[in-house]
Protein backbone atom coordinates (compact mmCIF):
# COMPACT_ATOMS: atom_id res chain seq x y z
CA MET A 1 3.81 13.82 21.99
CA SER A 2 6.12 15.72 21.08
CA GLU A 3 5.10 19.53 19.75
CA ASN A 4 6.50 18.78 16.23
CA LEU A 5 4.42 15.64 15.88
CA VAL A 6 0.83 16.22 14.78
CA GLN A 7 -2.54 14.05 14.02
CA VAL A 8 -4.21 15.44 11.11
CA THR A 9 -7.71 15.97 11.10
CA SER A 10 -8.49 17.46 7.96
CA PRO A 11 -7.37 18.41 4.50
CA ASP A 12 -7.90 22.07 5.73
CA HIS A 13 -5.45 21.50 8.69
CA PHE A 14 -2.98 19.32 6.59
CA LYS A 15 -2.58 22.72 4.45
CA SER A 16 -2.32 25.13 6.89
CA LEU A 17 0.31 22.81 8.88
CA LEU A 18 2.62 22.50 5.66
CA SER A 19 2.07 26.32 4.63
CA ALA A 20 3.38 27.33 7.86
CA ASP A 21 7.00 27.13 6.95
CA LEU A 22 7.76 25.89 3.33
CA ASN A 23 11.45 26.17 4.48
CA ARG A 24 10.54 23.24 7.05
CA VAL A 25 11.37 19.36 6.17
CA SER A 26 8.14 17.49 6.72
CA CYS A 27 7.36 13.71 7.40
CA LEU A 28 4.16 12.30 6.19
CA ASN A 29 3.37 9.21 8.11
CA PHE A 30 0.02 7.40 6.27
CA TRP A 31 -1.04 4.92 8.60
CA ALA A 32 -4.69 2.71 9.18
CA PRO A 33 -5.73 1.23 12.20
CA TRP A 34 -6.57 -1.80 11.23
CA ALA A 35 -3.01 -2.67 9.60
CA GLU A 36 -0.55 -4.40 12.40
CA PRO A 37 2.82 -3.04 11.26
CA CYS A 38 1.42 0.64 11.91
CA GLU A 39 1.51 0.36 15.24
CA ALA A 40 4.93 -0.12 16.12
CA PHE A 41 6.25 2.26 13.09
CA ASN A 42 4.13 4.98 14.76
CA LYS A 43 5.64 4.17 18.04
CA ALA A 44 9.07 4.47 15.78
CA VAL A 45 7.99 7.95 14.09
CA ALA A 46 7.14 9.57 17.45
CA GLU A 47 10.74 8.33 18.63
CA GLU A 48 12.25 10.25 15.40
CA ALA A 49 10.26 13.25 16.24
CA LYS A 50 11.97 13.46 19.60
CA GLN A 51 15.45 13.27 17.82
CA PHE A 52 14.48 15.57 14.85
CA PRO A 53 12.72 18.52 16.58
CA SER A 54 13.26 20.57 13.66
CA VAL A 55 10.91 18.34 11.45
CA LEU A 56 7.34 18.49 11.57
CA PHE A 57 5.88 14.99 11.88
CA LEU A 58 2.17 14.28 10.49
CA ASN A 59 0.41 11.30 11.45
CA ILE A 60 -2.40 11.12 8.58
CA GLU A 61 -4.80 8.03 8.95
CA ALA A 62 -5.15 6.95 5.10
CA GLU A 63 -8.49 6.30 4.75
CA GLU A 64 -10.28 8.77 7.22
CA LEU A 65 -8.60 11.53 4.87
CA ALA A 66 -8.47 9.64 1.72
CA ASP A 67 -8.24 13.08 -0.20
CA ILE A 68 -4.78 13.33 1.10
CA SER A 69 -3.89 9.97 0.36
CA GLU A 70 -4.84 9.78 -3.22
CA SER A 71 -3.07 13.28 -3.92
CA PHE A 72 -0.05 11.41 -2.94
CA ASP A 73 -0.73 8.12 -4.56
CA ILE A 74 -0.40 6.35 -1.40
CA GLU A 75 -1.37 2.50 -2.24
CA ALA A 76 -0.29 0.95 1.02
CA VAL A 77 0.08 1.52 4.54
CA PRO A 78 2.59 2.06 6.55
CA SER A 79 4.14 4.89 3.84
CA PHE A 80 5.95 7.52 4.51
CA LEU A 81 6.87 10.72 2.59
CA LEU A 82 9.71 13.65 3.25
CA LEU A 83 8.90 16.91 1.72
CA LYS A 84 10.21 20.49 1.96
CA GLY A 85 7.67 23.04 1.74
CA HIS A 86 5.65 21.19 -1.18
CA THR A 87 8.76 19.69 -2.78
CA LEU A 88 9.06 15.62 -2.25
CA LEU A 89 12.55 14.82 -0.98
CA ALA A 90 11.76 10.86 -0.90
CA ARG A 91 8.90 8.40 -0.25
CA HIS A 92 8.79 4.99 0.66
CA SER A 93 5.96 2.02 1.23
CA GLY A 94 6.76 -0.04 4.20
CA SER A 95 7.62 0.42 7.92
CA ASP A 96 11.37 0.62 7.73
CA THR A 97 12.76 2.59 10.63
CA ALA A 98 16.28 2.35 9.69
CA LEU A 99 15.49 3.84 6.37
CA LEU A 100 13.81 6.69 7.76
CA HIS A 101 16.12 7.72 10.37
CA SER A 102 18.61 7.75 7.50
CA LEU A 103 16.87 10.02 5.22
CA LEU A 104 15.78 12.41 7.75
CA SER A 105 19.59 13.00 8.75
CA GLN A 106 20.38 13.06 5.29
CA HIS A 107 17.59 16.09 4.38
CA THR A 108 18.29 17.81 7.63
CA GLY A 109 21.85 17.87 8.05
CA SER A 110 21.62 15.82 11.21
CA SER A 111 24.48 13.37 12.67
CA THR A 112 22.33 11.83 15.09
CA SER A 113 22.77 8.20 15.31
CA ALA A 114 20.29 5.70 14.21
CA PRO A 115 19.01 3.32 16.74
CA SER A 116 21.43 0.75 17.87
CA SER A 117 19.01 -2.35 17.36
CA SER A 118 18.24 -0.89 13.58
CA THR A 119 20.48 -1.72 10.11
CA THR A 120 20.87 1.39 8.01
CA ALA A 121 19.11 0.57 4.69
CA PRO A 122 20.42 1.45 1.46
CA LEU A 123 18.71 4.13 -0.24
CA ALA A 124 17.96 2.25 -3.27
CA THR A 125 14.70 1.27 -0.99
CA SER A 126 13.23 4.75 -1.62
CA ASP A 127 12.77 7.39 -4.05
CA ALA A 128 15.72 8.76 -3.28
CA THR A 129 18.79 8.37 -5.86
CA PRO A 130 20.05 4.75 -5.37
CA GLN A 131 23.50 4.28 -5.46
CA ALA A 132 25.33 1.39 -7.57
CA PRO A 133 21.82 -0.34 -8.19
CA PRO A 134 21.83 -3.89 -9.32
CA GLU A 135 21.70 -4.90 -12.51
CA ALA A 136 18.34 -4.98 -13.75
CA PRO A 137 16.71 -8.59 -15.17
CA ARG A 138 15.53 -9.51 -18.52
CA GLN A 139 12.28 -7.94 -19.30
CA ARG A 140 9.57 -9.57 -20.12
CA THR A 141 7.66 -9.35 -23.64
CA GLU A 142 4.36 -8.49 -23.20
CA ALA A 143 2.99 -11.68 -24.54
CA GLU A 144 5.19 -13.58 -21.66
CA ILE A 145 3.40 -11.17 -19.14
CA GLU A 146 -0.05 -11.88 -20.29
CA ALA A 147 0.64 -15.67 -20.35
CA ARG A 148 2.01 -15.39 -16.79
CA CYS A 149 -1.51 -13.53 -15.57
CA ARG A 150 -3.94 -15.75 -17.30
CA GLU A 151 -2.13 -18.57 -15.58
CA LEU A 152 -1.87 -17.32 -12.49
CA MET A 153 -6.05 -16.17 -13.12
CA ASN A 154 -6.78 -19.66 -13.80
CA LYS A 155 -4.72 -21.58 -10.62
CA HIS A 156 -8.18 -21.75 -8.92
CA LYS A 157 -12.15 -21.29 -9.57
CA VAL A 158 -11.99 -17.98 -7.18
CA VAL A 159 -8.49 -15.65 -7.25
CA LEU A 160 -8.35 -12.59 -5.62
CA PHE A 161 -5.49 -10.53 -6.72
CA MET A 162 -4.75 -8.26 -4.07
CA LYS A 163 -2.78 -5.68 -2.28
CA GLY A 164 -0.75 -7.52 0.38
CA ASN A 165 -1.80 -11.09 1.52
CA PRO A 166 -5.59 -12.19 3.56
CA THR A 167 -3.54 -12.08 6.55
CA ALA A 168 -1.82 -8.92 6.52
CA PRO A 169 -3.76 -6.93 3.58
CA LYS A 170 -2.20 -3.47 2.46
CA CYS A 171 -5.14 -1.63 1.61
CA GLY A 172 -9.03 -1.31 3.24
CA PHE A 173 -10.59 -2.35 -0.32
CA SER A 174 -8.33 -5.68 -0.19
CA ARG A 175 -8.94 -5.99 3.64
CA GLN A 176 -12.84 -5.89 3.04
CA THR A 177 -12.67 -7.96 -0.26
CA VAL A 178 -11.21 -10.72 1.87
CA GLY A 179 -13.53 -10.48 4.77
CA LEU A 180 -16.84 -10.67 2.75
CA LEU A 181 -15.35 -13.85 0.59
CA ARG A 182 -14.57 -15.46 4.26
CA GLU A 183 -17.84 -14.12 4.93
CA GLN A 184 -19.89 -16.17 2.26
CA GLY A 185 -17.71 -19.39 2.89
CA VAL A 186 -15.62 -18.70 -0.19
CA GLU A 187 -12.50 -20.84 -1.03
CA PHE A 188 -10.04 -18.61 -2.85
CA ALA A 189 -6.11 -18.49 -4.19
CA TRP A 190 -5.04 -15.15 -3.92
CA PHE A 191 -1.56 -13.03 -5.03
CA ASP A 192 -0.07 -9.99 -4.09
CA ILE A 193 0.33 -7.80 -6.57
CA PHE A 194 3.21 -5.66 -4.96
CA SER A 195 5.39 -8.77 -5.22
CA ASP A 196 5.30 -9.13 -9.09
CA GLU A 197 5.21 -5.57 -10.87
CA ASP A 198 4.63 -6.83 -14.17
CA VAL A 199 1.58 -9.04 -12.96
CA ARG A 200 0.13 -5.89 -11.55
CA GLN A 201 0.63 -3.77 -14.79
CA GLY A 202 -0.27 -6.65 -16.65
CA LEU A 203 -3.59 -7.52 -14.97
CA LYS A 204 -4.55 -3.80 -15.74
CA LYS A 205 -4.28 -4.59 -19.44
CA VAL A 206 -5.62 -8.12 -19.76
CA ASN A 207 -8.92 -7.17 -17.84
CA ASP A 208 -9.33 -3.94 -18.69
CA TRP A 209 -9.63 -2.99 -15.15
CA PRO A 210 -7.35 -0.26 -13.50
CA THR A 211 -7.50 -1.05 -9.89
CA PHE A 212 -7.27 -3.74 -7.03
CA PRO A 213 -8.14 -5.65 -5.58
CA GLN A 214 -9.62 -8.05 -8.69
CA ILE A 215 -12.00 -11.15 -8.15
CA ILE A 216 -11.44 -13.98 -10.89
CA VAL A 217 -13.99 -16.39 -11.08
CA ASN A 218 -13.49 -19.24 -13.43
CA GLY A 219 -10.34 -17.28 -15.22
CA GLU A 220 -12.41 -14.04 -15.81
CA LEU A 221 -12.74 -11.14 -14.29
CA VAL A 222 -15.86 -10.47 -11.99
CA GLY A 223 -14.97 -6.88 -10.70
CA GLY A 224 -13.94 -5.15 -7.68
CA LEU A 225 -14.86 -4.66 -3.99
CA ASP A 226 -17.89 -2.55 -4.84
CA ILE A 227 -18.92 -4.93 -7.46
CA LEU A 228 -18.63 -8.00 -5.02
CA ARG A 229 -20.61 -6.20 -2.71
CA GLU A 230 -23.57 -5.27 -5.37
CA MET A 231 -23.37 -9.54 -6.18
CA ILE A 232 -23.70 -10.43 -2.86
CA GLU A 233 -26.77 -7.94 -2.10
CA ASN A 234 -28.72 -9.19 -4.64
CA GLY A 235 -28.00 -12.61 -4.75
CA GLU A 236 -26.13 -12.98 -7.98
CA TRP A 237 -22.58 -14.09 -6.38
CA GLN A 238 -24.60 -17.02 -4.62
CA GLU A 239 -26.05 -17.92 -7.98
CA LEU A 240 -22.68 -17.69 -9.45
CA MET A 241 -21.00 -19.68 -6.72
CA THR A 242 -24.02 -22.24 -6.40
CA GLY A 243 -23.61 -22.55 -10.27
CA GLU A 244 -19.90 -23.37 -9.74
CA VAL A 245 -20.93 -26.35 -7.01
CA GLU A 246 -23.50 -28.02 -9.74
CA GLU A 247 -20.87 -28.04 -11.91
CA ASP A 248 -18.53 -29.99 -9.94
CA GLU A 249 -21.21 -32.64 -9.10
CA LYS A 250 -22.01 -33.46 -12.58
């Protein structure tokens, strides 16, 4: 492992590493052991560390070090940020190795070539200033967004609005919710909130619930992971599902 690639062990460890040189560019790699894309991206980060020895690369297990993740508003893994001292240079949610290399080259002034197997990605996919952005589509009205949310909420008796999909969840809470529903033998529809920002923000208003995942039964919000777990433990979820079966048989 390169000397400039460090596995962060605690918030204090993180602070001491960043504070050691406030003029140094740092790359923060947020990952989770259960997220399959992270394994390959962690290897790519290790290769970038060899190519950019002046950059401090910090691997941060997102859920284990939740305080750090929350301070940077990390909602999915893998995600990476570039900092200079405490100043944010760029951020991206996803495992785009070519973009990471491009941003590192840009912010370090290095001319190292990107891996031949990758295609350089446009900066428009990161928080860096995009060049010649495409024309924005027509914005939906609030009424249209609410109608879309309610349409999705009524697609199935049980609908899970989550980050990612059941095969590849993009947050631990979504992963655990999928697991609990499957353990209960529940058939459910799902929607990736990252696929539609209007729906993501609209659901927060429609359901008066600021976080995800959101579990919907019969078009109405039940709650999130904690409420689902509590309902399963006290038998309320089984009663709700039994009631659904009885209604179907009438």
